[in-house]
Amino acid sequence: MIGLAGPAPTIRTAVPADLPELRRVFRAASLSNPGDAPLLLAHPEFLDFTGDGVAAGRTRVAEGDAQGVGRILGFATVADVDAGDGELEDLFVDPQWHRRGIADRLLRDAVEALRESGRRRLWVVGNPQALAFYRAVGFTGGESVATELGVGLRLHLDV
């Protein structure tokens, strides 16, 4: 991986001790989009990451050796929607590690887990600014949906 001091990030299940780092990554990644930052700062409750998926074992982290220190570079949380689908609740990467394949690795991990469990599709309500990323990794659709933060796009990926 470009920019990592060691090998490619390790993907593992998050544990409660990870919550401070997950909260840091969530906040930094959320505020890294200049189009979203003013609204988020006006509503700081949206910057509180509760980590519900951690206790349920649904959050996976990408951990890497950054300048000699192991740290969480990003994370993803997938929830069950019904017997055949999953929902990508979270996909956040520390802005210092954007564009280095970390989100892609986390998505591949999620897809593999869904396939192994017999799921057929992964859904996400994506931020319009993230549309190019989701399209690049194979998501289709794009119906507009209302969210607490404005308009989102409902996309899916057949796994």
N, C-alpha and C. Protein backbone atom coordinates (compact mmCIF):
# COMPACT_ATOMS: atom_id res chain seq x y z
N MET A 1 0.84 -1.18 0.00
CA MET A 1 0.00 0.00 0.00
C MET A 1 0.88 1.25 0.00
N ILE A 2 0.56 2.19 -0.80
CA ILE A 2 1.31 3.43 -0.87
C ILE A 2 1.19 4.17 0.46
N GLY A 3 2.27 4.68 0.98
CA GLY A 3 2.25 5.51 2.15
C GLY A 3 2.26 4.78 3.48
N LEU A 4 2.12 3.48 3.47
CA LEU A 4 2.17 2.73 4.72
C LEU A 4 3.60 2.27 4.93
N ALA A 5 4.06 2.32 6.17
CA ALA A 5 5.43 1.93 6.47
C ALA A 5 5.62 0.42 6.37
N GLY A 6 4.58 -0.34 6.62
CA GLY A 6 4.67 -1.79 6.62
C GLY A 6 3.81 -2.40 5.54
N PRO A 7 3.38 -3.64 5.77
CA PRO A 7 2.55 -4.34 4.80
C PRO A 7 1.15 -3.73 4.71
N ALA A 8 0.35 -4.25 3.79
CA ALA A 8 -1.02 -3.79 3.62
C ALA A 8 -1.77 -3.90 4.94
N PRO A 9 -2.75 -3.03 5.14
CA PRO A 9 -3.49 -3.06 6.40
C PRO A 9 -4.11 -4.42 6.70
N THR A 10 -4.20 -4.72 7.96
CA THR A 10 -4.89 -5.91 8.44
C THR A 10 -6.34 -5.54 8.66
N ILE A 11 -7.23 -6.42 8.24
CA ILE A 11 -8.66 -6.21 8.49
C ILE A 11 -9.05 -7.15 9.62
N ARG A 12 -9.67 -6.60 10.65
CA ARG A 12 -10.08 -7.40 11.81
C ARG A 12 -11.37 -6.84 12.37
N THR A 13 -12.01 -7.62 13.22
CA THR A 13 -13.23 -7.17 13.88
C THR A 13 -12.88 -6.18 14.99
N ALA A 14 -13.61 -5.09 15.03
CA ALA A 14 -13.39 -4.07 16.06
C ALA A 14 -13.77 -4.60 17.43
N VAL A 15 -13.11 -4.08 18.45
CA VAL A 15 -13.40 -4.42 19.84
C VAL A 15 -13.70 -3.11 20.59
N PRO A 16 -14.36 -3.19 21.74
CA PRO A 16 -14.70 -1.97 22.47
C PRO A 16 -13.51 -1.04 22.74
N ALA A 17 -12.33 -1.59 22.93
CA ALA A 17 -11.15 -0.75 23.18
C ALA A 17 -10.81 0.13 21.97
N ASP A 18 -11.35 -0.20 20.79
CA ASP A 18 -11.11 0.59 19.58
C ASP A 18 -11.97 1.86 19.51
N LEU A 19 -12.98 1.96 20.36
CA LEU A 19 -13.94 3.06 20.21
C LEU A 19 -13.32 4.45 20.18
N PRO A 20 -12.35 4.80 21.00
CA PRO A 20 -11.77 6.15 20.89
C PRO A 20 -11.17 6.41 19.50
N GLU A 21 -10.48 5.44 18.94
CA GLU A 21 -9.90 5.62 17.60
C GLU A 21 -10.98 5.65 16.53
N LEU A 22 -12.01 4.83 16.67
CA LEU A 22 -13.12 4.84 15.71
C LEU A 22 -13.81 6.21 15.73
N ARG A 23 -13.99 6.75 16.91
CA ARG A 23 -14.61 8.08 17.02
C ARG A 23 -13.73 9.15 16.37
N ARG A 24 -12.42 9.04 16.56
CA ARG A 24 -11.49 10.00 15.93
C ARG A 24 -11.58 9.92 14.41
N VAL A 25 -11.53 8.70 13.87
CA VAL A 25 -11.60 8.52 12.42
C VAL A 25 -12.94 9.01 11.89
N PHE A 26 -14.03 8.65 12.56
CA PHE A 26 -15.38 9.06 12.15
C PHE A 26 -15.47 10.58 12.05
N ARG A 27 -15.02 11.27 13.08
CA ARG A 27 -15.10 12.74 13.10
C ARG A 27 -14.23 13.36 12.02
N ALA A 28 -12.98 12.90 11.93
CA ALA A 28 -12.07 13.47 10.93
C ALA A 28 -12.57 13.23 9.52
N ALA A 29 -13.03 12.01 9.25
CA ALA A 29 -13.52 11.69 7.91
C ALA A 29 -14.79 12.47 7.59
N SER A 30 -15.69 12.57 8.56
CA SER A 30 -16.94 13.30 8.35
C SER A 30 -16.69 14.76 8.02
N LEU A 31 -15.74 15.36 8.70
CA LEU A 31 -15.45 16.79 8.50
C LEU A 31 -14.52 17.06 7.32
N SER A 32 -13.99 16.00 6.70
CA SER A 32 -13.04 16.21 5.60
C SER A 32 -13.70 16.65 4.31
N ASN A 33 -15.01 16.51 4.22
CA ASN A 33 -15.72 16.96 3.02
C ASN A 33 -16.19 18.40 3.25
N PRO A 34 -15.59 19.35 2.52
CA PRO A 34 -15.94 20.76 2.75
C PRO A 34 -17.43 21.05 2.56
N GLY A 35 -18.11 20.27 1.72
CA GLY A 35 -19.54 20.49 1.51
C GLY A 35 -20.39 20.08 2.69
N ASP A 36 -19.90 19.16 3.52
CA ASP A 36 -20.66 18.67 4.66
C ASP A 36 -20.27 19.34 5.98
N ALA A 37 -19.05 19.82 6.08
CA ALA A 37 -18.52 20.31 7.35
C ALA A 37 -19.39 21.38 8.01
N PRO A 38 -19.85 22.41 7.30
CA PRO A 38 -20.65 23.44 7.99
C PRO A 38 -21.91 22.89 8.64
N LEU A 39 -22.63 22.02 7.95
CA LEU A 39 -23.85 21.44 8.51
C LEU A 39 -23.52 20.56 9.72
N LEU A 40 -22.46 19.76 9.60
CA LEU A 40 -22.08 18.90 10.72
C LEU A 40 -21.65 19.71 11.94
N LEU A 41 -20.91 20.76 11.72
CA LEU A 41 -20.49 21.59 12.84
C LEU A 41 -21.66 22.32 13.48
N ALA A 42 -22.69 22.62 12.68
CA ALA A 42 -23.90 23.25 13.22
C ALA A 42 -24.76 22.25 14.00
N HIS A 43 -24.54 20.96 13.75
CA HIS A 43 -25.28 19.88 14.42
C HIS A 43 -24.29 18.86 14.95
N PRO A 44 -23.55 19.21 16.00
CA PRO A 44 -22.48 18.34 16.50
C PRO A 44 -22.97 16.95 16.93
N GLU A 45 -24.26 16.78 17.17
CA GLU A 45 -24.77 15.45 17.52
C GLU A 45 -24.54 14.44 16.39
N PHE A 46 -24.42 14.93 15.16
CA PHE A 46 -24.15 14.04 14.03
C PHE A 46 -22.70 13.59 13.99
N LEU A 47 -21.86 14.18 14.80
CA LEU A 47 -20.45 13.81 14.85
C LEU A 47 -20.14 12.84 15.99
N ASP A 48 -21.19 12.40 16.69
CA ASP A 48 -21.01 11.43 17.78
C ASP A 48 -21.17 10.02 17.22
N PHE A 49 -20.09 9.27 17.21
CA PHE A 49 -20.13 7.88 16.76
C PHE A 49 -20.41 7.00 17.96
N THR A 50 -21.55 6.29 17.94
CA THR A 50 -21.93 5.47 19.09
C THR A 50 -21.28 4.10 19.07
N GLY A 51 -20.95 3.61 17.89
CA GLY A 51 -20.28 2.31 17.81
C GLY A 51 -21.17 1.13 18.10
N ASP A 52 -22.46 1.25 17.82
CA ASP A 52 -23.38 0.14 18.07
C ASP A 52 -22.95 -1.15 17.39
N GLY A 53 -22.37 -1.05 16.22
CA GLY A 53 -21.93 -2.23 15.48
C GLY A 53 -20.74 -2.93 16.12
N VAL A 54 -19.99 -2.22 16.95
CA VAL A 54 -18.82 -2.82 17.60
C VAL A 54 -19.28 -3.91 18.57
N ALA A 55 -20.21 -3.57 19.44
CA ALA A 55 -20.69 -4.54 20.43
C ALA A 55 -21.33 -5.75 19.75
N ALA A 56 -21.93 -5.53 18.59
CA ALA A 56 -22.59 -6.62 17.86
C ALA A 56 -21.62 -7.40 16.98
N GLY A 57 -20.36 -6.98 16.92
CA GLY A 57 -19.37 -7.67 16.09
C GLY A 57 -19.52 -7.41 14.60
N ARG A 58 -20.18 -6.29 14.25
CA ARG A 58 -20.44 -5.98 12.84
C ARG A 58 -19.49 -4.95 12.25
N THR A 59 -18.60 -4.40 13.06
CA THR A 59 -17.66 -3.38 12.58
C THR A 59 -16.29 -4.00 12.39
N ARG A 60 -15.73 -3.75 11.21
CA ARG A 60 -14.40 -4.25 10.87
C ARG A 60 -13.49 -3.04 10.68
N VAL A 61 -12.26 -3.17 11.14
CA VAL A 61 -11.30 -2.08 11.03
C VAL A 61 -10.14 -2.48 10.13
N ALA A 62 -9.59 -1.46 9.46
CA ALA A 62 -8.34 -1.60 8.72
C ALA A 62 -7.28 -1.00 9.62
N GLU A 63 -6.33 -1.83 9.99
CA GLU A 63 -5.28 -1.40 10.90
C GLU A 63 -3.95 -1.52 10.17
N GLY A 64 -3.14 -0.49 10.26
CA GLY A 64 -1.86 -0.51 9.56
C GLY A 64 -0.75 0.06 10.39
N ASP A 65 0.44 -0.16 9.92
CA ASP A 65 1.64 0.35 10.56
C ASP A 65 1.94 1.70 9.93
N ALA A 66 1.56 2.75 10.63
CA ALA A 66 1.75 4.10 10.13
C ALA A 66 2.89 4.75 10.90
N GLN A 67 4.03 4.92 10.24
CA GLN A 67 5.20 5.55 10.85
C GLN A 67 5.63 4.80 12.11
N GLY A 68 5.60 3.47 12.01
CA GLY A 68 6.06 2.64 13.10
C GLY A 68 5.05 2.40 14.20
N VAL A 69 3.84 2.94 14.04
CA VAL A 69 2.80 2.78 15.07
C VAL A 69 1.58 2.12 14.44
N GLY A 70 1.10 1.03 15.05
CA GLY A 70 -0.13 0.41 14.57
C GLY A 70 -1.30 1.30 14.91
N ARG A 71 -2.13 1.59 13.93
CA ARG A 71 -3.28 2.45 14.18
C ARG A 71 -4.42 2.10 13.25
N ILE A 72 -5.61 2.49 13.64
CA ILE A 72 -6.80 2.27 12.82
C ILE A 72 -6.82 3.32 11.72
N LEU A 73 -6.87 2.83 10.48
CA LEU A 73 -6.86 3.71 9.32
C LEU A 73 -8.26 3.95 8.77
N GLY A 74 -9.17 3.02 9.06
CA GLY A 74 -10.54 3.14 8.60
C GLY A 74 -11.38 2.01 9.16
N PHE A 75 -12.69 2.10 8.92
CA PHE A 75 -13.59 1.04 9.40
C PHE A 75 -14.87 1.00 8.58
N ALA A 76 -15.53 -0.14 8.66
CA ALA A 76 -16.81 -0.36 7.97
C ALA A 76 -17.71 -1.16 8.89
N THR A 77 -19.01 -0.85 8.85
CA THR A 77 -20.01 -1.59 9.61
C THR A 77 -21.10 -2.04 8.64
N VAL A 78 -21.45 -3.32 8.71
CA VAL A 78 -22.52 -3.87 7.88
C VAL A 78 -23.60 -4.44 8.78
N ALA A 79 -24.85 -4.10 8.48
CA ALA A 79 -26.00 -4.61 9.22
C ALA A 79 -26.81 -5.53 8.32
N ASP A 80 -27.53 -6.46 8.93
CA ASP A 80 -28.46 -7.30 8.18
C ASP A 80 -29.70 -6.48 7.86
N VAL A 81 -30.14 -6.58 6.61
CA VAL A 81 -31.37 -5.91 6.21
C VAL A 81 -32.51 -6.92 6.23
N ASP A 82 -32.30 -8.02 5.57
CA ASP A 82 -33.25 -9.13 5.60
C ASP A 82 -32.46 -10.38 5.27
N ALA A 83 -33.14 -11.45 4.97
CA ALA A 83 -32.46 -12.74 4.76
C ALA A 83 -31.49 -12.74 3.59
N GLY A 84 -31.62 -11.78 2.68
CA GLY A 84 -30.77 -11.82 1.51
C GLY A 84 -29.84 -10.65 1.31
N ASP A 85 -29.93 -9.63 2.15
CA ASP A 85 -29.17 -8.41 1.91
C ASP A 85 -28.46 -7.91 3.16
N GLY A 86 -27.45 -7.06 2.94
CA GLY A 86 -26.78 -6.35 4.01
C GLY A 86 -26.82 -4.86 3.71
N GLU A 87 -26.61 -4.05 4.73
CA GLU A 87 -26.60 -2.60 4.59
C GLU A 87 -25.27 -2.06 5.12
N LEU A 88 -24.56 -1.32 4.30
CA LEU A 88 -23.32 -0.68 4.72
C LEU A 88 -23.70 0.57 5.53
N GLU A 89 -23.56 0.46 6.85
CA GLU A 89 -23.91 1.58 7.74
C GLU A 89 -22.80 2.60 7.83
N ASP A 90 -21.57 2.13 7.86
CA ASP A 90 -20.42 3.01 8.03
C ASP A 90 -19.32 2.59 7.06
N LEU A 91 -18.68 3.56 6.48
CA LEU A 91 -17.43 3.35 5.74
C LEU A 91 -16.66 4.67 5.86
N PHE A 92 -15.68 4.67 6.76
CA PHE A 92 -14.92 5.88 7.04
C PHE A 92 -13.44 5.56 7.04
N VAL A 93 -12.66 6.44 6.41
CA VAL A 93 -11.21 6.30 6.36
C VAL A 93 -10.60 7.60 6.85
N ASP A 94 -9.59 7.48 7.70
CA ASP A 94 -8.86 8.64 8.20
C ASP A 94 -8.41 9.45 6.97
N PRO A 95 -8.71 10.75 6.93
CA PRO A 95 -8.36 11.56 5.76
C PRO A 95 -6.88 11.49 5.37
N GLN A 96 -5.99 11.26 6.33
CA GLN A 96 -4.57 11.13 6.00
C GLN A 96 -4.30 9.90 5.14
N TRP A 97 -5.24 8.97 5.09
CA TRP A 97 -5.05 7.71 4.38
C TRP A 97 -6.03 7.55 3.22
N HIS A 98 -6.70 8.64 2.82
CA HIS A 98 -7.59 8.60 1.65
C HIS A 98 -6.79 8.24 0.40
N ARG A 99 -7.47 7.62 -0.54
CA ARG A 99 -6.94 7.30 -1.87
C ARG A 99 -5.75 6.34 -1.81
N ARG A 100 -5.78 5.43 -0.84
CA ARG A 100 -4.72 4.43 -0.73
C ARG A 100 -5.28 3.02 -0.70
N GLY A 101 -6.53 2.88 -1.12
CA GLY A 101 -7.14 1.56 -1.24
C GLY A 101 -7.74 1.00 0.03
N ILE A 102 -7.80 1.79 1.09
CA ILE A 102 -8.30 1.28 2.36
C ILE A 102 -9.80 1.05 2.31
N ALA A 103 -10.56 1.99 1.79
CA ALA A 103 -12.01 1.81 1.68
C ALA A 103 -12.32 0.62 0.78
N ASP A 104 -11.57 0.47 -0.29
CA ASP A 104 -11.76 -0.66 -1.19
C ASP A 104 -11.51 -1.98 -0.47
N ARG A 105 -10.45 -2.05 0.33
CA ARG A 105 -10.16 -3.28 1.10
C ARG A 105 -11.27 -3.58 2.09
N LEU A 106 -11.78 -2.56 2.77
CA LEU A 106 -12.87 -2.77 3.71
C LEU A 106 -14.13 -3.25 3.00
N LEU A 107 -14.41 -2.71 1.83
CA LEU A 107 -15.58 -3.16 1.07
C LEU A 107 -15.40 -4.60 0.59
N ARG A 108 -14.21 -4.94 0.11
CA ARG A 108 -13.97 -6.33 -0.31
C ARG A 108 -14.16 -7.30 0.85
N ASP A 109 -13.71 -6.90 2.04
CA ASP A 109 -13.91 -7.72 3.23
C ASP A 109 -15.40 -7.89 3.52
N ALA A 110 -16.17 -6.82 3.42
CA ALA A 110 -17.62 -6.89 3.67
C ALA A 110 -18.31 -7.79 2.65
N VAL A 111 -17.93 -7.65 1.39
CA VAL A 111 -18.53 -8.47 0.34
C VAL A 111 -18.22 -9.94 0.56
N GLU A 112 -16.99 -10.25 0.91
CA GLU A 112 -16.60 -11.64 1.18
C GLU A 112 -17.43 -12.22 2.32
N ALA A 113 -17.61 -11.45 3.39
CA ALA A 113 -18.40 -11.93 4.53
C ALA A 113 -19.86 -12.14 4.13
N LEU A 114 -20.40 -11.24 3.31
CA LEU A 114 -21.78 -11.39 2.85
C LEU A 114 -21.93 -12.65 2.00
N ARG A 115 -21.00 -12.85 1.08
CA ARG A 115 -21.04 -14.06 0.24
C ARG A 115 -21.01 -15.32 1.09
N GLU A 116 -20.08 -15.34 2.07
CA GLU A 116 -19.94 -16.52 2.93
C GLU A 116 -21.20 -16.80 3.73
N SER A 117 -21.96 -15.75 4.04
CA SER A 117 -23.18 -15.93 4.82
C SER A 117 -24.40 -16.14 3.93
N GLY A 118 -24.19 -16.20 2.62
CA GLY A 118 -25.28 -16.45 1.70
C GLY A 118 -26.07 -15.21 1.31
N ARG A 119 -25.59 -14.05 1.64
CA ARG A 119 -26.28 -12.81 1.26
C ARG A 119 -26.10 -12.55 -0.23
N ARG A 120 -27.02 -11.76 -0.79
CA ARG A 120 -27.01 -11.52 -2.24
C ARG A 120 -26.61 -10.10 -2.62
N ARG A 121 -26.84 -9.14 -1.71
CA ARG A 121 -26.69 -7.74 -2.11
C ARG A 121 -26.26 -6.90 -0.92
N LEU A 122 -25.46 -5.87 -1.21
CA LEU A 122 -25.05 -4.89 -0.21
C LEU A 122 -25.65 -3.54 -0.61
N TRP A 123 -26.39 -2.93 0.29
CA TRP A 123 -27.02 -1.63 0.08
C TRP A 123 -26.24 -0.54 0.83
N VAL A 124 -26.34 0.68 0.34
CA VAL A 124 -25.78 1.82 1.05
C VAL A 124 -26.59 3.06 0.67
N VAL A 125 -26.76 3.95 1.63
CA VAL A 125 -27.24 5.30 1.34
C VAL A 125 -25.99 6.16 1.39
N GLY A 126 -25.54 6.57 0.22
CA GLY A 126 -24.28 7.28 0.10
C GLY A 126 -24.45 8.78 -0.02
N ASN A 127 -23.46 9.46 0.45
CA ASN A 127 -23.35 10.89 0.30
C ASN A 127 -23.11 11.18 -1.19
N PRO A 128 -23.81 12.16 -1.78
CA PRO A 128 -23.58 12.44 -3.20
C PRO A 128 -22.11 12.69 -3.56
N GLN A 129 -21.32 13.23 -2.62
CA GLN A 129 -19.91 13.47 -2.89
C GLN A 129 -19.13 12.16 -3.00
N ALA A 130 -19.69 11.07 -2.50
CA ALA A 130 -19.02 9.77 -2.56
C ALA A 130 -19.49 8.93 -3.74
N LEU A 131 -20.36 9.47 -4.57
CA LEU A 131 -20.93 8.71 -5.69
C LEU A 131 -19.86 8.15 -6.61
N ALA A 132 -18.85 8.93 -6.95
CA ALA A 132 -17.81 8.44 -7.86
C ALA A 132 -17.10 7.22 -7.28
N PHE A 133 -16.82 7.23 -5.98
CA PHE A 133 -16.20 6.07 -5.34
C PHE A 133 -17.10 4.85 -5.44
N TYR A 134 -18.36 5.01 -5.04
CA TYR A 134 -19.26 3.86 -5.05
C TYR A 134 -19.45 3.30 -6.46
N ARG A 135 -19.54 4.16 -7.43
CA ARG A 135 -19.64 3.70 -8.83
C ARG A 135 -18.37 2.94 -9.23
N ALA A 136 -17.22 3.46 -8.85
CA ALA A 136 -15.94 2.84 -9.23
C ALA A 136 -15.80 1.44 -8.67
N VAL A 137 -16.40 1.16 -7.51
CA VAL A 137 -16.29 -0.17 -6.92
C VAL A 137 -17.47 -1.07 -7.27
N GLY A 138 -18.37 -0.58 -8.15
CA GLY A 138 -19.40 -1.45 -8.70
C GLY A 138 -20.82 -1.24 -8.21
N PHE A 139 -21.08 -0.25 -7.36
CA PHE A 139 -22.45 -0.01 -6.91
C PHE A 139 -23.26 0.57 -8.07
N THR A 140 -24.53 0.21 -8.11
CA THR A 140 -25.46 0.72 -9.13
C THR A 140 -26.68 1.29 -8.43
N GLY A 141 -27.57 1.85 -9.22
CA GLY A 141 -28.75 2.51 -8.67
C GLY A 141 -28.43 3.96 -8.45
N GLY A 142 -29.13 4.57 -7.55
CA GLY A 142 -28.87 5.97 -7.25
C GLY A 142 -30.13 6.77 -7.00
N GLU A 143 -31.17 6.09 -6.51
CA GLU A 143 -32.41 6.78 -6.17
C GLU A 143 -32.14 7.77 -5.03
N SER A 144 -32.64 8.97 -5.16
CA SER A 144 -32.48 9.98 -4.11
C SER A 144 -33.38 9.63 -2.93
N VAL A 145 -32.82 9.76 -1.74
CA VAL A 145 -33.58 9.54 -0.51
C VAL A 145 -33.28 10.67 0.47
N ALA A 146 -34.26 11.01 1.28
CA ALA A 146 -34.08 12.04 2.29
C ALA A 146 -33.36 11.45 3.49
N THR A 147 -32.39 12.17 4.02
CA THR A 147 -31.70 11.79 5.25
C THR A 147 -31.73 12.99 6.19
N GLU A 148 -31.29 12.77 7.41
CA GLU A 148 -31.25 13.87 8.38
C GLU A 148 -30.30 14.98 7.94
N LEU A 149 -29.35 14.65 7.06
CA LEU A 149 -28.36 15.63 6.62
C LEU A 149 -28.61 16.13 5.20
N GLY A 150 -29.74 15.78 4.62
CA GLY A 150 -30.04 16.21 3.25
C GLY A 150 -30.31 15.02 2.36
N VAL A 151 -30.01 15.17 1.09
CA VAL A 151 -30.28 14.12 0.11
C VAL A 151 -29.15 13.11 0.09
N GLY A 152 -29.51 11.83 0.11
CA GLY A 152 -28.56 10.74 -0.06
C GLY A 152 -28.94 9.95 -1.29
N LEU A 153 -28.08 9.04 -1.69
CA LEU A 153 -28.34 8.20 -2.85
C LEU A 153 -28.37 6.74 -2.40
N ARG A 154 -29.43 6.03 -2.74
CA ARG A 154 -29.59 4.62 -2.38
C ARG A 154 -28.99 3.78 -3.50
N LEU A 155 -27.90 3.09 -3.20
CA LEU A 155 -27.15 2.31 -4.17
C LEU A 155 -27.06 0.86 -3.70
N HIS A 156 -26.77 -0.05 -4.63
CA HIS A 156 -26.57 -1.45 -4.23
C HIS A 156 -25.46 -2.09 -5.05
N LEU A 157 -24.91 -3.14 -4.46
CA LEU A 157 -23.86 -3.93 -5.10
C LEU A 157 -24.25 -5.40 -4.97
N ASP A 158 -24.39 -6.07 -6.09
CA ASP A 158 -24.66 -7.51 -6.05
C ASP A 158 -23.38 -8.22 -5.68
N VAL A 159 -23.47 -9.08 -4.67
CA VAL A 159 -22.27 -9.75 -4.19
C VAL A 159 -22.21 -11.17 -4.72
